């Protein structure tokens, strides 16, 4: 019944379009055995939850909320442990409290979690010491180890991705609904951070938040209502074999939803208007994002919005600007102004990570904290000049004390990168840097 309804909804129209960044599965029979199994498993998320998120994103587009989207560049199956998941959730919750105070509005919390297993790559193969193997495309496709066996794309990993996502979402729900997210507990964590002499610059704001929390308690605030939070899941909808297999028809509305995550986005490398990814996403009813880099034009942005959101529904489309600090103040204004003048309902986020990557002298792929922050500042400046809304922040982060991004108050330098550089793909803000960014962005929100 579901397959017939999906066919009627036209979700397979993408199969006639070019699908970029897909693995070459050497065993098509294995793929044919896995996808029907995925089509029968329970959904990871529900249509009603995605609809709630769409309303929250609509509020962010109007300036009535602010979005915080964060998590790993590429999730690793072996790292989906309770401790690591808890630390990521803790970091996002801590950032959200700080941003809520600065924005004086609710913060919509979205994790790049429970599905961010596929990564676009610049080449299909990788060569080391004269040996050429398929490139690592994320744990959902193959393994990072540079061996012939590890690098062969394996369709069984699609099923592994589903099961790891399910266990991750189970923990997310337990942590966010079971008291771990209590505002008073999260605030106490932030007080401890700001009390560190290295971060004393943020002690004043932490003290202000403390007074606000104590006032709420004295005024009879309903702290029971603040013991739980909603944390939505998201990932780049890159691997179409996986996304299509987890698409379901909502029994209430009869519409198709990709039940692999609440929020899905199309990357900079797969946003062609006539490509398979845009076509597929146009057929599902989740809220969706599109990454826009410095080469994006007003024509691109308007055409994508009209294709993906023909009814101009608020909260349906989020544009995620990933310009690079050196381009944001010149490349972003025409896009923001063009979308505004076309009367399109769009929520704007900044991704200050992907446009600011470079290789350090010691050979590590890294970013500079100050450059990341500069792009966020430029994003706010552009929206301030255009009279539009800077709706949120999309960052790659971890709750662990890694050393992958240079700078910040910790002053991680090139030599320091080697201390704990763990990412398999792109560098992430560590726990301390993430909180420092939240305090910095809170100041920008306060000044709006």
Protein backbone atom coordinates (compact mmCIF):
# COMPACT_ATOMS: atom_id res chain seq x y z
CA UNK A 1 0.00 0.00 0.00
CA UNK A 2 2.79 2.41 0.91
CA UNK A 3 4.65 1.75 -2.35
CA UNK A 4 1.52 2.31 -4.45
CA UNK A 5 0.84 5.57 -2.62
CA UNK A 6 4.45 6.66 -3.04
CA UNK A 7 4.24 5.95 -6.73
CA UNK A 8 1.07 8.02 -6.93
CA UNK A 9 2.88 10.85 -5.10
CA UNK A 10 5.58 10.81 -7.77
CA UNK A 11 8.50 10.25 -5.40
CA UNK A 12 10.35 8.16 -7.99
CA UNK A 13 10.46 10.94 -10.57
CA UNK A 14 14.05 11.61 -9.46
CA UNK A 15 15.16 8.34 -11.08
CA UNK A 16 15.04 10.00 -14.52
CA UNK A 17 17.47 12.73 -13.40
CA UNK A 18 21.23 12.74 -12.94
CA UNK A 19 22.16 11.78 -9.39
CA UNK A 20 25.57 13.13 -8.42
CA UNK A 21 27.77 12.02 -5.52
CA UNK A 22 26.35 8.48 -5.42
CA UNK A 23 28.54 5.44 -4.74
CA UNK A 24 29.09 2.81 -7.40
CA UNK A 25 27.70 -0.31 -5.75
CA UNK A 26 29.69 -3.27 -7.14
CA UNK A 27 27.06 -5.78 -6.02
CA UNK A 28 23.70 -4.62 -7.39
CA UNK A 29 22.03 -7.82 -6.18
CA UNK A 30 23.04 -6.97 -2.61
CA UNK A 31 21.56 -3.50 -3.02
CA UNK A 32 18.34 -5.04 -4.36
CA UNK A 33 18.14 -7.21 -1.25
CA UNK A 34 18.73 -4.37 1.23
CA UNK A 35 16.39 -1.66 -0.04
CA UNK A 36 13.18 -3.71 0.30
CA UNK A 37 14.13 -4.41 3.92
CA UNK A 38 14.60 -0.70 4.56
CA UNK A 39 11.24 -0.01 2.97
CA UNK A 40 9.59 -2.22 5.60
CA UNK A 41 11.29 -1.01 8.80
CA UNK A 42 9.51 1.43 11.15
CA UNK A 43 10.12 5.12 10.43
CA UNK A 44 12.86 6.84 12.41
CA UNK A 45 10.78 10.03 12.79
CA UNK A 46 7.14 10.88 12.21
CA UNK A 47 5.41 13.27 9.86
CA UNK A 48 3.76 15.15 12.72
CA UNK A 49 7.16 15.89 14.27
CA UNK A 50 8.44 17.24 10.94
CA UNK A 51 5.36 19.46 10.72
CA UNK A 52 6.06 20.87 14.18
CA UNK A 53 9.62 21.68 13.11
CA UNK A 54 8.32 23.42 9.98
CA UNK A 55 6.26 25.73 12.19
CA UNK A 56 9.31 26.47 14.35
CA UNK A 57 11.39 27.26 11.27
CA UNK A 58 8.63 29.55 10.02
CA UNK A 59 8.86 31.44 13.33
CA UNK A 60 12.62 31.74 12.89
CA UNK A 61 12.09 33.15 9.41
CA UNK A 62 9.88 35.86 10.93
CA UNK A 63 12.39 36.65 13.67
CA UNK A 64 10.29 35.02 16.40
CA UNK A 65 12.82 32.25 17.08
CA UNK A 66 16.46 31.42 16.34
CA UNK A 67 17.78 28.13 14.96
CA UNK A 68 20.80 26.29 16.33
CA UNK A 69 21.80 23.34 14.16
CA UNK A 70 24.94 21.49 15.19
CA UNK A 71 26.74 18.19 15.19
CA UNK A 72 29.44 16.14 13.52
CA UNK A 73 30.69 16.73 10.02
CA UNK A 74 30.35 12.99 9.46
CA UNK A 75 29.02 10.63 12.08
CA UNK A 76 30.95 7.42 12.67
CA UNK A 77 29.16 4.20 13.60
CA UNK A 78 31.78 3.29 16.21
CA UNK A 79 31.40 6.70 17.90
CA UNK A 80 27.64 6.39 18.45
CA UNK A 81 28.22 5.71 22.15
CA UNK A 82 26.12 6.97 25.05
CA UNK A 83 28.93 9.23 26.30
CA UNK A 84 29.59 10.88 22.95
CA UNK A 85 25.90 11.36 22.18
CA UNK A 86 25.32 12.81 25.66
CA UNK A 87 28.25 15.23 25.26
CA UNK A 88 26.91 16.47 21.91
CA UNK A 89 23.44 16.98 23.32
CA UNK A 90 24.89 18.73 26.38
CA UNK A 91 26.86 21.12 24.14
CA UNK A 92 23.82 21.96 22.00
CA UNK A 93 21.67 22.53 25.11
CA UNK A 94 24.31 24.77 26.69
CA UNK A 95 24.62 26.82 23.51
CA UNK A 96 20.85 27.08 23.24
CA UNK A 97 20.44 28.56 26.72
CA UNK A 98 23.04 31.23 25.96
CA UNK A 99 21.47 32.05 22.60
CA UNK A 100 17.95 32.13 24.06
CA UNK A 101 19.06 34.81 26.49
CA UNK A 102 20.79 36.85 23.76
CA UNK A 103 17.93 36.58 21.28
CA UNK A 104 15.14 36.91 23.86
CA UNK A 105 13.31 34.36 21.72
CA UNK A 106 13.04 30.55 21.69
CA UNK A 107 15.89 28.61 20.14
CA UNK A 108 15.01 25.79 17.75
CA UNK A 109 17.45 22.96 18.43
CA UNK A 110 18.43 20.66 15.55
CA UNK A 111 21.18 18.04 15.76
CA UNK A 112 23.29 16.98 12.80
CA UNK A 113 22.76 13.58 14.32
CA UNK A 114 21.26 10.14 13.68
CA UNK A 115 21.86 10.14 9.94
CA UNK A 116 24.87 12.26 8.93
CA UNK A 117 26.76 9.25 7.60
CA UNK A 118 27.25 10.13 3.92
CA UNK A 119 29.65 12.78 2.65
CA UNK A 120 30.14 14.31 -0.81
CA UNK A 121 33.68 13.99 -2.11
CA UNK A 122 35.70 15.80 -4.76
CA UNK A 123 36.89 12.56 -6.44
CA UNK A 124 35.69 8.98 -6.79
CA UNK A 125 39.09 7.54 -5.90
CA UNK A 126 41.99 8.22 -3.54
CA UNK A 127 45.65 7.38 -4.22
CA UNK A 128 48.29 6.79 -1.57
CA UNK A 129 51.82 5.56 -2.29
CA UNK A 130 50.79 4.44 -5.75
CA UNK A 131 47.70 2.54 -4.53
CA UNK A 132 44.32 3.76 -5.80
CA UNK A 133 41.11 2.83 -3.97
CA UNK A 134 37.52 4.13 -3.88
CA UNK A 135 37.20 7.30 -1.84
CA UNK A 136 35.68 7.18 1.64
CA UNK A 137 32.07 8.34 1.28
CA UNK A 138 31.01 7.95 4.89
CA UNK A 139 30.24 4.97 7.10
CA UNK A 140 26.92 4.40 5.33
CA UNK A 141 28.91 3.42 2.20
CA UNK A 142 32.35 2.11 3.18
CA UNK A 143 35.03 2.25 5.86
CA UNK A 144 37.70 4.91 6.36
CA UNK A 145 40.55 2.38 6.60
CA UNK A 146 42.73 2.52 3.46
CA UNK A 147 42.41 -1.12 2.41
CA UNK A 148 40.76 -2.66 -0.61
CA UNK A 149 38.27 -4.58 1.50
CA UNK A 150 37.33 -1.58 3.65
CA UNK A 151 36.80 0.80 0.74
CA UNK A 152 34.44 -1.40 -1.29
CA UNK A 153 30.94 0.19 -1.13
CA UNK A 154 28.75 -2.24 0.82
CA UNK A 155 24.93 -1.93 0.67
CA UNK A 156 24.55 -3.71 4.01
CA UNK A 157 25.86 -0.50 5.55
CA UNK A 158 22.53 1.14 4.65
CA UNK A 159 20.90 -1.18 7.15
CA UNK A 160 23.65 -0.48 9.68
CA UNK A 161 22.98 3.26 9.29
CA UNK A 162 19.31 2.72 10.05
CA UNK A 163 20.00 0.75 13.23
CA UNK A 164 22.65 3.16 14.53
CA UNK A 165 20.30 6.08 13.78
CA UNK A 166 17.50 4.36 15.68
CA UNK A 167 19.67 3.81 18.77
CA UNK A 168 20.98 7.39 18.58
CA UNK A 169 17.44 8.81 18.39
CA UNK A 170 16.43 6.61 21.31
CA UNK A 171 19.15 8.17 23.43
CA UNK A 172 18.35 11.68 22.21
CA UNK A 173 14.74 11.27 23.28
CA UNK A 174 15.76 9.81 26.63
CA UNK A 175 18.19 12.63 27.41
CA UNK A 176 15.92 15.47 26.25
CA UNK A 177 12.73 14.16 27.85
CA UNK A 178 14.11 12.57 31.01
CA UNK A 179 15.33 15.59 33.01
CA UNK A 180 18.85 15.86 31.56
CA UNK A 181 17.76 19.02 29.70
CA UNK A 182 16.40 20.80 32.80
CA UNK A 183 17.10 24.52 32.35
CA UNK A 184 18.59 24.84 35.83
CA UNK A 185 21.03 21.99 35.22
CA UNK A 186 22.12 23.33 31.82
CA UNK A 187 22.57 26.81 33.27
CA UNK A 188 24.76 25.40 36.07
CA UNK A 189 27.02 23.86 33.42
CA UNK A 190 27.39 27.25 31.75
CA UNK A 191 28.18 28.95 35.05
CA UNK A 192 31.03 26.49 35.48
CA UNK A 193 32.31 27.30 32.00
CA UNK A 194 32.19 31.07 32.55
CA UNK A 195 33.84 30.75 35.96
CA UNK A 196 36.97 29.39 34.31
CA UNK A 197 39.51 32.27 34.33
CA UNK A 198 40.21 31.66 30.65
CA UNK A 199 36.57 32.49 29.86
CA UNK A 200 35.97 35.17 32.47
CA UNK A 201 34.85 37.57 29.73
CA UNK A 202 31.57 35.68 29.66
CA UNK A 203 31.04 35.68 33.42
CA UNK A 204 28.87 38.82 33.27
CA UNK A 205 26.40 37.28 30.84
CA UNK A 206 26.33 34.04 32.84
CA UNK A 207 25.52 36.10 35.94
CA UNK A 208 22.70 37.87 34.07
CA UNK A 209 21.22 34.53 33.02
CA UNK A 210 21.55 33.35 36.61
CA UNK A 211 19.52 36.32 37.85
CA UNK A 212 16.86 35.63 35.21
CA UNK A 213 16.61 31.98 36.26
CA UNK A 214 16.37 32.90 39.95
CA UNK A 215 13.71 35.51 39.16
CA UNK A 216 11.67 32.88 37.33
CA UNK A 217 11.88 30.64 40.37
CA UNK A 218 10.89 33.44 42.77
CA UNK A 219 7.97 34.42 40.52
CA UNK A 220 6.63 30.89 40.52
CA UNK A 221 7.90 29.89 37.10
CA UNK A 222 6.83 26.45 35.92
CA UNK A 223 10.19 24.69 35.94
CA UNK A 224 8.51 21.36 35.30
CA UNK A 225 7.76 22.64 31.81
CA UNK A 226 11.45 23.46 31.37
CA UNK A 227 12.75 19.99 32.20
CA UNK A 228 12.25 18.73 28.66
CA UNK A 229 13.14 20.11 25.23
CA UNK A 230 12.60 19.17 21.61
CA UNK A 231 15.78 18.26 19.73
CA UNK A 232 15.11 17.53 16.07
CA UNK A 233 17.33 15.40 13.83
CA UNK A 234 18.84 16.38 10.49
CA UNK A 235 21.36 15.34 7.87
CA UNK A 236 22.29 15.98 4.26
CA UNK A 237 19.98 13.92 2.03
CA UNK A 238 22.83 12.74 -0.14
CA UNK A 239 22.46 8.99 -0.57
CA UNK A 240 19.22 8.60 -2.50
CA UNK A 241 19.01 4.81 -2.13
CA UNK A 242 18.71 5.33 1.63
CA UNK A 243 16.43 8.37 1.58
CA UNK A 244 13.95 6.84 -0.87
CA UNK A 245 13.77 3.59 1.09
CA UNK A 246 12.83 5.46 4.27
CA UNK A 247 10.13 7.59 2.65
CA UNK A 248 6.63 6.91 3.90
CA UNK A 249 3.08 8.13 3.25
CA UNK A 250 1.54 9.99 6.20
CA UNK A 251 -1.76 8.34 7.07
CA UNK A 252 -3.29 11.68 8.11
CA UNK A 253 -2.53 13.76 5.04
CA UNK A 254 -1.63 11.21 2.38
CA UNK A 255 1.61 13.11 1.74
CA UNK A 256 5.10 11.66 1.40
CA UNK A 257 7.68 12.31 4.14
CA UNK A 258 11.30 11.19 4.28
CA UNK A 259 11.24 9.55 7.71
CA UNK A 260 15.03 9.29 8.03
CA UNK A 261 15.11 12.72 9.76
CA UNK A 262 12.95 15.70 10.58
CA UNK A 263 15.00 18.17 8.52
CA UNK A 264 17.01 17.32 5.40
CA UNK A 265 19.19 19.48 3.24
CA UNK A 266 20.63 19.54 -0.25
CA UNK A 267 24.35 20.25 -0.45
CA UNK A 268 26.19 22.80 -2.55
CA UNK A 269 27.39 20.04 -4.88
CA UNK A 270 23.96 18.54 -5.56
CA UNK A 271 21.61 21.53 -5.80
CA UNK A 272 21.22 21.56 -9.60
CA UNK A 273 17.65 22.54 -10.42
CA UNK A 274 17.24 19.63 -12.85
CA UNK A 275 19.20 17.15 -10.72
CA UNK A 276 17.92 14.09 -8.90
CA UNK A 277 18.34 15.52 -5.39
CA UNK A 278 16.24 18.62 -5.99
CA UNK A 279 13.61 16.53 -7.78
CA UNK A 280 13.40 14.03 -4.92
CA UNK A 281 13.19 16.73 -2.26
CA UNK A 282 10.44 18.50 -4.18
CA UNK A 283 8.25 15.42 -3.66
CA UNK A 284 8.55 15.10 0.13
CA UNK A 285 6.93 17.35 2.72
CA UNK A 286 9.63 17.65 5.37
CA UNK A 287 11.08 21.08 5.96
CA UNK A 288 14.20 21.16 3.78
CA UNK A 289 17.37 23.18 3.44
CA UNK A 290 19.60 24.14 0.55
CA UNK A 291 23.26 25.08 0.91
CA UNK A 292 24.22 28.17 -1.10
CA UNK A 293 27.90 28.94 -1.72
CA UNK A 294 29.59 32.04 -3.18
CA UNK A 295 28.88 30.97 -6.77
CA UNK A 296 25.11 30.88 -6.21
CA UNK A 297 23.12 33.51 -8.11
CA UNK A 298 19.82 35.20 -7.42
CA UNK A 299 18.37 33.22 -10.32
CA UNK A 300 19.55 29.99 -8.66
CA UNK A 301 18.05 30.89 -5.29
CA UNK A 302 14.69 32.04 -6.64
CA UNK A 303 14.35 29.04 -8.97
CA UNK A 304 15.19 26.59 -6.17
CA UNK A 305 12.69 28.19 -3.80
CA UNK A 306 9.95 28.12 -6.43
CA UNK A 307 10.70 24.50 -7.38
CA UNK A 308 10.91 23.21 -3.82
CA UNK A 309 8.17 25.39 -2.34
CA UNK A 310 5.70 26.31 -5.10
CA UNK A 311 3.03 27.27 -2.55
CA UNK A 312 5.47 29.59 -0.72
CA UNK A 313 4.74 27.92 2.63
CA UNK A 314 6.55 29.47 5.59
CA UNK A 315 9.13 27.16 7.18
CA UNK A 316 9.31 24.81 4.19
CA UNK A 317 12.58 26.21 2.79
CA UNK A 318 15.74 27.15 4.67
CA UNK A 319 18.68 28.60 2.78
CA UNK A 320 22.00 27.85 4.47
CA UNK A 321 24.61 30.37 3.33
CA UNK A 322 28.17 28.93 3.27
CA UNK A 323 30.12 31.73 1.66
CA UNK A 324 33.46 31.92 3.46
CA UNK A 325 34.40 34.94 5.54
CA UNK A 326 36.19 36.55 2.60
CA UNK A 327 33.04 36.39 0.41
CA UNK A 328 30.04 36.72 2.72
CA UNK A 329 29.78 40.51 2.69
CA UNK A 330 29.86 40.68 -1.11
CA UNK A 331 28.22 37.43 -2.25
CA UNK A 332 25.35 37.17 0.23
CA UNK A 333 23.61 40.58 -0.15
CA UNK A 334 22.38 40.01 -3.74
CA UNK A 335 20.88 36.64 -2.72
CA UNK A 336 19.16 37.98 0.39
CA UNK A 337 17.84 41.02 -1.45
CA UNK A 338 16.73 39.01 -4.47
CA UNK A 339 14.81 36.49 -2.38
CA UNK A 340 13.29 39.31 -0.35
CA UNK A 341 12.21 41.25 -3.44
CA UNK A 342 10.69 38.10 -4.97
CA UNK A 343 8.41 37.82 -1.93
CA UNK A 344 9.63 34.33 -1.08
CA UNK A 345 9.23 32.90 2.43
CA UNK A 346 12.68 31.63 3.35
CA UNK A 347 14.49 31.08 6.64
CA UNK A 348 18.18 32.04 6.44
CA UNK A 349 20.94 30.24 8.35
CA UNK A 350 24.68 30.75 8.24
CA UNK A 351 27.10 27.85 7.87
CA UNK A 352 30.40 29.54 8.77
CA UNK A 353 32.39 26.32 8.63
CA UNK A 354 32.61 24.97 5.09
CA UNK A 355 33.85 28.09 3.32
CA UNK A 356 36.75 28.58 5.73
CA UNK A 357 38.69 25.33 5.51
CA UNK A 358 42.42 25.21 4.75
CA UNK A 359 45.41 22.91 5.27
CA UNK A 360 47.77 23.93 8.07
CA UNK A 361 51.55 23.94 7.69
CA UNK A 362 51.67 20.64 9.57
CA UNK A 363 49.24 19.06 7.09
CA UNK A 364 45.98 19.09 9.04
CA UNK A 365 42.70 20.13 7.43
CA UNK A 366 41.52 22.89 9.76
CA UNK A 367 39.68 26.18 10.24
CA UNK A 368 40.33 29.26 12.35
CA UNK A 369 37.86 30.13 15.11
CA UNK A 370 38.20 33.85 14.46
CA UNK A 371 37.47 33.39 10.75
CA UNK A 372 34.40 31.30 11.52
CA UNK A 373 33.14 34.03 13.84
CA UNK A 374 33.88 36.69 11.23
CA UNK A 375 31.57 34.96 8.75
CA UNK A 376 28.80 34.84 11.36
CA UNK A 377 29.32 38.57 11.98
CA UNK A 378 29.16 39.27 8.25
CA UNK A 379 25.95 37.25 8.00
CA UNK A 380 24.32 39.44 10.65
CA UNK A 381 25.63 42.61 8.98
CA UNK A 382 24.15 41.62 5.61
CA UNK A 383 20.72 40.92 7.05
CA UNK A 384 20.82 44.09 9.11
CA UNK A 385 21.49 46.15 5.97
CA UNK A 386 18.77 44.35 3.98
CA UNK A 387 16.14 44.55 6.70
CA UNK A 388 15.82 40.77 6.71
CA UNK A 389 16.09 38.16 9.45
CA UNK A 390 19.28 36.25 10.34
CA UNK A 391 17.43 33.11 11.31
CA UNK A 392 20.06 30.82 12.73
CA UNK A 393 23.40 29.09 12.93
CA UNK A 394 24.52 25.80 11.32
CA UNK A 395 27.84 24.55 12.73
CA UNK A 396 29.97 21.43 12.86
CA UNK A 397 30.78 20.65 16.47
CA UNK A 398 31.45 17.89 18.93
CA UNK A 399 30.96 17.65 22.66
CA UNK A 400 34.48 16.28 23.07
CA UNK A 401 37.73 18.14 23.75
CA UNK A 402 39.26 17.59 20.32
CA UNK A 403 41.82 19.93 18.76
CA UNK A 404 40.71 20.38 15.16
CA UNK A 405 39.95 24.11 14.82
CA UNK A 406 42.70 26.62 15.46
CA UNK A 407 42.32 29.67 17.70
CA UNK A 408 39.70 30.67 20.25
CA UNK A 409 40.50 31.52 23.85
CA UNK A 410 42.21 28.14 24.13
CA UNK A 411 44.61 29.41 21.43
CA UNK A 412 45.01 26.09 19.65
CA UNK A 413 47.90 26.57 17.24
CA UNK A 414 49.26 24.44 14.41
CA UNK A 415 51.33 22.31 16.77
CA UNK A 416 48.31 21.88 19.03
CA UNK A 417 46.20 20.29 16.30
CA UNK A 418 48.11 17.03 16.67
CA UNK A 419 47.13 16.62 20.32
CA UNK A 420 43.65 15.27 19.60
CA UNK A 421 42.73 15.50 15.94
CA UNK A 422 40.03 12.85 15.49
CA UNK A 423 37.74 13.84 12.61
CA UNK A 424 37.62 11.55 9.58
CA UNK A 425 36.49 14.35 7.24
CA UNK A 426 36.14 18.01 8.31
CA UNK A 427 37.35 19.79 11.49
CA UNK A 428 34.82 20.57 14.22
CA UNK A 429 34.53 23.07 17.03
CA UNK A 430 35.23 21.37 20.34
CA UNK A 431 33.06 21.74 23.43
CA UNK A 432 34.80 24.88 24.74
CA UNK A 433 34.92 26.57 21.34
CA UNK A 434 31.24 25.83 20.78
CA UNK A 435 30.28 27.56 24.02
CA UNK A 436 32.57 30.48 23.28
CA UNK A 437 30.86 30.87 19.89
CA UNK A 438 27.45 30.82 21.59
CA UNK A 439 28.45 33.70 23.86
CA UNK A 440 29.82 35.65 20.88
CA UNK A 441 26.69 35.07 18.78
CA UNK A 442 24.52 35.94 21.78
CA UNK A 443 26.14 39.38 21.75
CA UNK A 444 25.25 39.77 18.06
CA UNK A 445 21.66 38.75 18.79
CA UNK A 446 21.43 41.22 21.66
CA UNK A 447 22.56 44.01 19.35
CA UNK A 448 19.95 43.32 16.64
